[in-house]
ModelCIF file with pLDDT and N, C-alpha, C, O atoms, coordinates in Angstrom:
data_MODEL
#
_entry.id   MODEL 
#
_entity.id                         1 
_entity.type                       polymer 
_entity.pdbx_number_of_molecules   1 
#
_entity_poly.entity_id                      1 
_entity_poly.type                           'polypeptide(L)' 
_entity_poly.nstd_linkage                   no 
_entity_poly.nstd_monomer                   no 
_entity_poly.pdbx_seq_one_letter_code       WTAGLQGLGVVIHLAFWAQQKVISLVYATALNLIGY 
_entity_poly.pdbx_seq_one_letter_code_can   WTAGLQGLGVVIHLAFWAQQKVISLVYATALNLIGY 
_entity_poly.pdbx_strand_id                 A 
#
loop_
_entity_poly_seq.entity_id 
_entity_poly_seq.num 
_entity_poly_seq.mon_id 
_entity_poly_seq.hetero 
1 1  TRP n 
1 2  THR n 
1 3  ALA n 
1 4  GLY n 
1 5  LEU n 
1 6  GLN n 
1 7  GLY n 
1 8  LEU n 
1 9  GLY n 
1 10 VAL n 
1 11 VAL n 
1 12 ILE n 
1 13 HIS n 
1 14 LEU n 
1 15 ALA n 
1 16 PHE n 
1 17 TRP n 
1 18 ALA n 
1 19 GLN n 
1 20 GLN n 
1 21 LYS n 
1 22 VAL n 
1 23 ILE n 
1 24 SER n 
1 25 LEU n 
1 26 VAL n 
1 27 TYR n 
1 28 ALA n 
1 29 THR n 
1 30 ALA n 
1 31 LEU n 
1 32 ASN n 
1 33 LEU n 
1 34 ILE n 
1 35 GLY n 
1 36 TYR n 
#
_struct_asym.id          A 
_struct_asym.entity_id   1 
#
loop_
_ma_qa_metric.id 
_ma_qa_metric.mode 
_ma_qa_metric.name 
_ma_qa_metric.software_group_id 
_ma_qa_metric.type 
1 global pLDDT . pLDDT 
2 local  pLDDT . pLDDT 
#
_ma_qa_metric_global.metric_id      1 
_ma_qa_metric_global.metric_value   89.78 
_ma_qa_metric_global.model_id       1 
_ma_qa_metric_global.ordinal_id     1 
#
loop_
_ma_qa_metric_local.label_asym_id 
_ma_qa_metric_local.label_comp_id 
_ma_qa_metric_local.label_seq_id 
_ma_qa_metric_local.metric_id 
_ma_qa_metric_local.metric_value 
_ma_qa_metric_local.model_id 
_ma_qa_metric_local.ordinal_id 
A TRP 1  2 97.00 1 1  
A THR 2  2 97.00 1 2  
A ALA 3  2 97.00 1 3  
A GLY 4  2 97.00 1 4  
A LEU 5  2 97.00 1 5  
A GLN 6  2 97.00 1 6  
A GLY 7  2 97.00 1 7  
A LEU 8  2 96.00 1 8  
A GLY 9  2 95.00 1 9  
A VAL 10 2 96.00 1 10 
A VAL 11 2 94.00 1 11 
A ILE 12 2 92.00 1 12 
A HIS 13 2 93.00 1 13 
A LEU 14 2 92.00 1 14 
A ALA 15 2 89.00 1 15 
A PHE 16 2 88.00 1 16 
A TRP 17 2 88.00 1 17 
A ALA 18 2 87.00 1 18 
A GLN 19 2 81.00 1 19 
A GLN 20 2 71.00 1 20 
A LYS 21 2 74.00 1 21 
A VAL 22 2 71.00 1 22 
A ILE 23 2 79.00 1 23 
A SER 24 2 81.00 1 24 
A LEU 25 2 82.00 1 25 
A VAL 26 2 86.00 1 26 
A TYR 27 2 87.00 1 27 
A ALA 28 2 87.00 1 28 
A THR 29 2 89.00 1 29 
A ALA 30 2 92.00 1 30 
A LEU 31 2 92.00 1 31 
A ASN 32 2 91.00 1 32 
A LEU 33 2 94.00 1 33 
A ILE 34 2 96.00 1 34 
A GLY 35 2 95.00 1 35 
A TYR 36 2 95.00 1 36 
#
loop_
_atom_site.group_PDB 
_atom_site.id 
_atom_site.type_symbol 
_atom_site.label_atom_id 
_atom_site.label_alt_id 
_atom_site.label_comp_id 
_atom_site.label_asym_id 
_atom_site.label_entity_id 
_atom_site.label_seq_id 
_atom_site.pdbx_PDB_ins_code 
_atom_site.Cartn_x 
_atom_site.Cartn_y 
_atom_site.Cartn_z 
_atom_site.occupancy 
_atom_site.B_iso_or_equiv 
_atom_site.pdbx_formal_charge 
_atom_site.auth_seq_id 
_atom_site.auth_comp_id 
_atom_site.auth_asym_id 
_atom_site.auth_atom_id 
_atom_site.pdbx_PDB_model_num 
ATOM 1   N N  . TRP A 1 1  ? 96.887  105.383 85.385 1.00 97.00 ? 1  TRP A N  1 
ATOM 2   C CA . TRP A 1 1  ? 97.799  104.907 84.676 1.00 97.00 ? 1  TRP A CA 1 
ATOM 3   C C  . TRP A 1 1  ? 99.089  104.423 86.009 1.00 97.00 ? 1  TRP A C  1 
ATOM 4   O O  . TRP A 1 1  ? 99.951  103.546 85.962 1.00 97.00 ? 1  TRP A O  1 
ATOM 5   N N  . THR A 1 2  ? 98.785  105.305 86.994 1.00 97.00 ? 2  THR A N  1 
ATOM 6   C CA . THR A 1 2  ? 99.807  105.058 87.762 1.00 97.00 ? 2  THR A CA 1 
ATOM 7   C C  . THR A 1 2  ? 98.891  103.518 88.666 1.00 97.00 ? 2  THR A C  1 
ATOM 8   O O  . THR A 1 2  ? 99.565  102.636 89.197 1.00 97.00 ? 2  THR A O  1 
ATOM 9   N N  . ALA A 1 3  ? 97.485  103.486 88.671 1.00 97.00 ? 3  ALA A N  1 
ATOM 10  C CA . ALA A 1 3  ? 96.687  103.245 89.791 1.00 97.00 ? 3  ALA A CA 1 
ATOM 11  C C  . ALA A 1 3  ? 96.817  101.827 88.758 1.00 97.00 ? 3  ALA A C  1 
ATOM 12  O O  . ALA A 1 3  ? 97.206  100.780 89.275 1.00 97.00 ? 3  ALA A O  1 
ATOM 13  N N  . GLY A 1 4  ? 96.492  101.861 87.378 1.00 97.00 ? 4  GLY A N  1 
ATOM 14  C CA . GLY A 1 4  ? 96.217  100.802 86.894 1.00 97.00 ? 4  GLY A CA 1 
ATOM 15  C C  . GLY A 1 4  ? 98.247  99.644  87.250 1.00 97.00 ? 4  GLY A C  1 
ATOM 16  O O  . GLY A 1 4  ? 98.348  98.525  87.751 1.00 97.00 ? 4  GLY A O  1 
ATOM 17  N N  . LEU A 1 5  ? 99.148  100.353 86.851 1.00 97.00 ? 5  LEU A N  1 
ATOM 18  C CA . LEU A 1 5  ? 100.824 100.268 87.044 1.00 97.00 ? 5  LEU A CA 1 
ATOM 19  C C  . LEU A 1 5  ? 101.169 99.510  88.461 1.00 97.00 ? 5  LEU A C  1 
ATOM 20  O O  . LEU A 1 5  ? 101.997 98.623  88.668 1.00 97.00 ? 5  LEU A O  1 
ATOM 21  N N  . GLN A 1 6  ? 100.282 100.137 89.347 1.00 97.00 ? 6  GLN A N  1 
ATOM 22  C CA . GLN A 1 6  ? 100.873 99.934  90.795 1.00 97.00 ? 6  GLN A CA 1 
ATOM 23  C C  . GLN A 1 6  ? 99.565  98.711  90.806 1.00 97.00 ? 6  GLN A C  1 
ATOM 24  O O  . GLN A 1 6  ? 99.608  97.751  91.575 1.00 97.00 ? 6  GLN A O  1 
ATOM 25  N N  . GLY A 1 7  ? 98.744  98.874  90.098 1.00 97.00 ? 7  GLY A N  1 
ATOM 26  C CA . GLY A 1 7  ? 98.055  97.037  90.356 1.00 97.00 ? 7  GLY A CA 1 
ATOM 27  C C  . GLY A 1 7  ? 98.446  96.171  89.678 1.00 97.00 ? 7  GLY A C  1 
ATOM 28  O O  . GLY A 1 7  ? 98.242  95.047  90.136 1.00 97.00 ? 7  GLY A O  1 
ATOM 29  N N  . LEU A 1 8  ? 98.942  96.227  88.738 1.00 96.00 ? 8  LEU A N  1 
ATOM 30  C CA . LEU A 1 8  ? 99.815  94.929  87.723 1.00 96.00 ? 8  LEU A CA 1 
ATOM 31  C C  . LEU A 1 8  ? 101.334 94.587  88.932 1.00 96.00 ? 8  LEU A C  1 
ATOM 32  O O  . LEU A 1 8  ? 102.127 93.702  88.613 1.00 96.00 ? 8  LEU A O  1 
ATOM 33  N N  . GLY A 1 9  ? 101.546 95.382  90.236 1.00 95.00 ? 9  GLY A N  1 
ATOM 34  C CA . GLY A 1 9  ? 102.975 95.789  90.706 1.00 95.00 ? 9  GLY A CA 1 
ATOM 35  C C  . GLY A 1 9  ? 102.087 94.546  91.701 1.00 95.00 ? 9  GLY A C  1 
ATOM 36  O O  . GLY A 1 9  ? 102.144 93.438  91.169 1.00 95.00 ? 9  GLY A O  1 
ATOM 37  N N  . VAL A 1 10 ? 101.226 94.577  93.155 1.00 96.00 ? 10 VAL A N  1 
ATOM 38  C CA . VAL A 1 10 ? 100.407 94.116  93.590 1.00 96.00 ? 10 VAL A CA 1 
ATOM 39  C C  . VAL A 1 10 ? 100.680 92.623  92.804 1.00 96.00 ? 10 VAL A C  1 
ATOM 40  O O  . VAL A 1 10 ? 101.510 91.829  93.247 1.00 96.00 ? 10 VAL A O  1 
ATOM 41  N N  . VAL A 1 11 ? 99.846  92.337  91.537 1.00 94.00 ? 11 VAL A N  1 
ATOM 42  C CA . VAL A 1 11 ? 99.300  90.983  91.111 1.00 94.00 ? 11 VAL A CA 1 
ATOM 43  C C  . VAL A 1 11 ? 100.555 90.341  91.140 1.00 94.00 ? 11 VAL A C  1 
ATOM 44  O O  . VAL A 1 11 ? 100.540 89.219  91.646 1.00 94.00 ? 11 VAL A O  1 
ATOM 45  N N  . ILE A 1 12 ? 101.951 90.886  90.608 1.00 92.00 ? 12 ILE A N  1 
ATOM 46  C CA . ILE A 1 12 ? 103.302 90.008  90.680 1.00 92.00 ? 12 ILE A CA 1 
ATOM 47  C C  . ILE A 1 12 ? 103.090 89.726  91.904 1.00 92.00 ? 12 ILE A C  1 
ATOM 48  O O  . ILE A 1 12 ? 102.792 88.543  92.069 1.00 92.00 ? 12 ILE A O  1 
ATOM 49  N N  . HIS A 1 13 ? 103.128 90.364  92.851 1.00 93.00 ? 13 HIS A N  1 
ATOM 50  C CA . HIS A 1 13 ? 103.296 90.312  94.353 1.00 93.00 ? 13 HIS A CA 1 
ATOM 51  C C  . HIS A 1 13 ? 102.353 88.879  94.477 1.00 93.00 ? 13 HIS A C  1 
ATOM 52  O O  . HIS A 1 13 ? 102.821 87.959  95.147 1.00 93.00 ? 13 HIS A O  1 
ATOM 53  N N  . LEU A 1 14 ? 100.857 88.690  93.739 1.00 92.00 ? 14 LEU A N  1 
ATOM 54  C CA . LEU A 1 14 ? 100.615 87.981  93.970 1.00 92.00 ? 14 LEU A CA 1 
ATOM 55  C C  . LEU A 1 14 ? 100.074 86.540  93.448 1.00 92.00 ? 14 LEU A C  1 
ATOM 56  O O  . LEU A 1 14 ? 99.176  85.847  93.926 1.00 92.00 ? 14 LEU A O  1 
ATOM 57  N N  . ALA A 1 15 ? 100.940 86.295  92.267 1.00 89.00 ? 15 ALA A N  1 
ATOM 58  C CA . ALA A 1 15 ? 101.884 85.488  91.356 1.00 89.00 ? 15 ALA A CA 1 
ATOM 59  C C  . ALA A 1 15 ? 102.495 84.381  91.927 1.00 89.00 ? 15 ALA A C  1 
ATOM 60  O O  . ALA A 1 15 ? 102.452 83.151  91.932 1.00 89.00 ? 15 ALA A O  1 
ATOM 61  N N  . PHE A 1 16 ? 103.404 85.846  92.669 1.00 88.00 ? 16 PHE A N  1 
ATOM 62  C CA . PHE A 1 16 ? 104.919 85.052  92.732 1.00 88.00 ? 16 PHE A CA 1 
ATOM 63  C C  . PHE A 1 16 ? 104.526 84.555  94.225 1.00 88.00 ? 16 PHE A C  1 
ATOM 64  O O  . PHE A 1 16 ? 105.141 83.534  94.532 1.00 88.00 ? 16 PHE A O  1 
ATOM 65  N N  . TRP A 1 17 ? 103.473 85.135  95.419 1.00 88.00 ? 17 TRP A N  1 
ATOM 66  C CA . TRP A 1 17 ? 103.142 83.950  96.499 1.00 88.00 ? 17 TRP A CA 1 
ATOM 67  C C  . TRP A 1 17 ? 102.364 82.973  96.306 1.00 88.00 ? 17 TRP A C  1 
ATOM 68  O O  . TRP A 1 17 ? 101.946 82.370  97.294 1.00 88.00 ? 17 TRP A O  1 
ATOM 69  N N  . ALA A 1 18 ? 101.941 82.537  94.895 1.00 87.00 ? 18 ALA A N  1 
ATOM 70  C CA . ALA A 1 18 ? 100.599 82.146  94.559 1.00 87.00 ? 18 ALA A CA 1 
ATOM 71  C C  . ALA A 1 18 ? 101.898 80.481  93.778 1.00 87.00 ? 18 ALA A C  1 
ATOM 72  O O  . ALA A 1 18 ? 101.916 79.517  94.543 1.00 87.00 ? 18 ALA A O  1 
ATOM 73  N N  . GLN A 1 19 ? 102.576 80.353  92.760 1.00 81.00 ? 19 GLN A N  1 
ATOM 74  C CA . GLN A 1 19 ? 103.775 79.888  92.274 1.00 81.00 ? 19 GLN A CA 1 
ATOM 75  C C  . GLN A 1 19 ? 105.381 80.480  92.313 1.00 81.00 ? 19 GLN A C  1 
ATOM 76  O O  . GLN A 1 19 ? 105.944 81.346  91.645 1.00 81.00 ? 19 GLN A O  1 
ATOM 77  N N  . GLN A 1 20 ? 105.941 79.399  93.662 1.00 71.00 ? 20 GLN A N  1 
ATOM 78  C CA . GLN A 1 20 ? 106.792 80.358  94.161 1.00 71.00 ? 20 GLN A CA 1 
ATOM 79  C C  . GLN A 1 20 ? 108.186 79.975  92.974 1.00 71.00 ? 20 GLN A C  1 
ATOM 80  O O  . GLN A 1 20 ? 109.285 80.456  93.250 1.00 71.00 ? 20 GLN A O  1 
ATOM 81  N N  . LYS A 1 21 ? 108.034 79.049  91.608 1.00 74.00 ? 21 LYS A N  1 
ATOM 82  C CA . LYS A 1 21 ? 109.141 78.123  90.800 1.00 74.00 ? 21 LYS A CA 1 
ATOM 83  C C  . LYS A 1 21 ? 109.755 80.015  89.813 1.00 74.00 ? 21 LYS A C  1 
ATOM 84  O O  . LYS A 1 21 ? 110.924 80.190  89.469 1.00 74.00 ? 21 LYS A O  1 
ATOM 85  N N  . VAL A 1 22 ? 108.455 81.259  89.551 1.00 71.00 ? 22 VAL A N  1 
ATOM 86  C CA . VAL A 1 22 ? 108.914 81.935  89.303 1.00 71.00 ? 22 VAL A CA 1 
ATOM 87  C C  . VAL A 1 22 ? 110.150 82.828  89.539 1.00 71.00 ? 22 VAL A C  1 
ATOM 88  O O  . VAL A 1 22 ? 109.953 83.773  90.303 1.00 71.00 ? 22 VAL A O  1 
ATOM 89  N N  . ILE A 1 23 ? 112.297 82.606  88.642 1.00 79.00 ? 23 ILE A N  1 
ATOM 90  C CA . ILE A 1 23 ? 113.163 83.073  89.467 1.00 79.00 ? 23 ILE A CA 1 
ATOM 91  C C  . ILE A 1 23 ? 112.773 84.534  89.957 1.00 79.00 ? 23 ILE A C  1 
ATOM 92  O O  . ILE A 1 23 ? 112.078 85.445  89.509 1.00 79.00 ? 23 ILE A O  1 
ATOM 93  N N  . SER A 1 24 ? 113.752 84.272  91.381 1.00 81.00 ? 24 SER A N  1 
ATOM 94  C CA . SER A 1 24 ? 113.104 85.489  91.980 1.00 81.00 ? 24 SER A CA 1 
ATOM 95  C C  . SER A 1 24 ? 113.485 87.020  91.013 1.00 81.00 ? 24 SER A C  1 
ATOM 96  O O  . SER A 1 24 ? 112.785 88.033  91.047 1.00 81.00 ? 24 SER A O  1 
ATOM 97  N N  . LEU A 1 25 ? 114.773 86.851  90.179 1.00 82.00 ? 25 LEU A N  1 
ATOM 98  C CA . LEU A 1 25 ? 115.485 88.119  89.382 1.00 82.00 ? 25 LEU A CA 1 
ATOM 99  C C  . LEU A 1 25 ? 114.187 88.930  88.344 1.00 82.00 ? 25 LEU A C  1 
ATOM 100 O O  . LEU A 1 25 ? 114.207 90.096  87.948 1.00 82.00 ? 25 LEU A O  1 
ATOM 101 N N  . VAL A 1 26 ? 113.069 87.835  88.080 1.00 86.00 ? 26 VAL A N  1 
ATOM 102 C CA . VAL A 1 26 ? 112.437 88.141  87.285 1.00 86.00 ? 26 VAL A CA 1 
ATOM 103 C C  . VAL A 1 26 ? 111.346 89.381  88.159 1.00 86.00 ? 26 VAL A C  1 
ATOM 104 O O  . VAL A 1 26 ? 111.026 90.566  88.072 1.00 86.00 ? 26 VAL A O  1 
ATOM 105 N N  . TYR A 1 27 ? 111.037 87.971  89.145 1.00 87.00 ? 27 TYR A N  1 
ATOM 106 C CA . TYR A 1 27 ? 110.526 88.918  90.072 1.00 87.00 ? 27 TYR A CA 1 
ATOM 107 C C  . TYR A 1 27 ? 110.901 90.304  90.583 1.00 87.00 ? 27 TYR A C  1 
ATOM 108 O O  . TYR A 1 27 ? 109.904 90.881  90.147 1.00 87.00 ? 27 TYR A O  1 
ATOM 109 N N  . ALA A 1 28 ? 111.577 91.237  91.167 1.00 87.00 ? 28 ALA A N  1 
ATOM 110 C CA . ALA A 1 28 ? 112.903 91.819  91.161 1.00 87.00 ? 28 ALA A CA 1 
ATOM 111 C C  . ALA A 1 28 ? 112.720 93.129  90.192 1.00 87.00 ? 28 ALA A C  1 
ATOM 112 O O  . ALA A 1 28 ? 112.709 94.360  90.151 1.00 87.00 ? 28 ALA A O  1 
ATOM 113 N N  . THR A 1 29 ? 112.586 91.941  89.460 1.00 89.00 ? 29 THR A N  1 
ATOM 114 C CA . THR A 1 29 ? 113.031 92.819  87.748 1.00 89.00 ? 29 THR A CA 1 
ATOM 115 C C  . THR A 1 29 ? 111.407 93.579  87.573 1.00 89.00 ? 29 THR A C  1 
ATOM 116 O O  . THR A 1 29 ? 110.918 94.662  87.894 1.00 89.00 ? 29 THR A O  1 
ATOM 117 N N  . ALA A 1 30 ? 111.140 92.891  87.190 1.00 92.00 ? 30 ALA A N  1 
ATOM 118 C CA . ALA A 1 30 ? 108.707 93.532  87.516 1.00 92.00 ? 30 ALA A CA 1 
ATOM 119 C C  . ALA A 1 30 ? 108.791 94.438  87.881 1.00 92.00 ? 30 ALA A C  1 
ATOM 120 O O  . ALA A 1 30 ? 108.775 95.599  87.471 1.00 92.00 ? 30 ALA A O  1 
ATOM 121 N N  . LEU A 1 31 ? 108.971 93.551  89.391 1.00 92.00 ? 31 LEU A N  1 
ATOM 122 C CA . LEU A 1 31 ? 108.483 95.084  90.345 1.00 92.00 ? 31 LEU A CA 1 
ATOM 123 C C  . LEU A 1 31 ? 109.276 96.515  89.992 1.00 92.00 ? 31 LEU A C  1 
ATOM 124 O O  . LEU A 1 31 ? 108.711 97.608  90.039 1.00 92.00 ? 31 LEU A O  1 
ATOM 125 N N  . ASN A 1 32 ? 110.688 96.325  89.630 1.00 91.00 ? 32 ASN A N  1 
ATOM 126 C CA . ASN A 1 32 ? 111.352 97.749  90.176 1.00 91.00 ? 32 ASN A CA 1 
ATOM 127 C C  . ASN A 1 32 ? 111.442 98.676  88.485 1.00 91.00 ? 32 ASN A C  1 
ATOM 128 O O  . ASN A 1 32 ? 112.141 99.683  88.375 1.00 91.00 ? 32 ASN A O  1 
ATOM 129 N N  . LEU A 1 33 ? 110.461 98.005  87.084 1.00 94.00 ? 33 LEU A N  1 
ATOM 130 C CA . LEU A 1 33 ? 110.658 97.959  85.885 1.00 94.00 ? 33 LEU A CA 1 
ATOM 131 C C  . LEU A 1 33 ? 108.965 98.955  86.183 1.00 94.00 ? 33 LEU A C  1 
ATOM 132 O O  . LEU A 1 33 ? 108.867 99.784  85.279 1.00 94.00 ? 33 LEU A O  1 
ATOM 133 N N  . ILE A 1 34 ? 108.100 99.010  86.877 1.00 96.00 ? 34 ILE A N  1 
ATOM 134 C CA . ILE A 1 34 ? 106.746 98.958  87.100 1.00 96.00 ? 34 ILE A CA 1 
ATOM 135 C C  . ILE A 1 34 ? 107.215 100.548 87.728 1.00 96.00 ? 34 ILE A C  1 
ATOM 136 O O  . ILE A 1 34 ? 107.089 101.661 87.217 1.00 96.00 ? 34 ILE A O  1 
ATOM 137 N N  . GLY A 1 35 ? 107.916 100.041 89.306 1.00 95.00 ? 35 GLY A N  1 
ATOM 138 C CA . GLY A 1 35 ? 108.740 101.192 89.681 1.00 95.00 ? 35 GLY A CA 1 
ATOM 139 C C  . GLY A 1 35 ? 109.245 102.869 88.624 1.00 95.00 ? 35 GLY A C  1 
ATOM 140 O O  . GLY A 1 35 ? 109.243 104.005 89.099 1.00 95.00 ? 35 GLY A O  1 
ATOM 141 N N  . TYR A 1 36 ? 109.530 102.584 87.516 1.00 95.00 ? 36 TYR A N  1 
ATOM 142 C CA . TYR A 1 36 ? 109.967 103.143 87.218 1.00 95.00 ? 36 TYR A CA 1 
ATOM 143 C C  . TYR A 1 36 ? 109.443 103.818 85.276 1.00 95.00 ? 36 TYR A C  1 
ATOM 144 O O  . TYR A 1 36 ? 110.097 104.709 84.735 1.00 95.00 ? 36 TYR A O  1 
#
């Protein structure tokens, strides 16, 4: 589960890099929620 969640965090970084029109608050919040 930990590896899967961390992989999701990496994918979120890559998705934001590919499409930077995503609101930065969504980017930050998603990464923080995955951390919790």
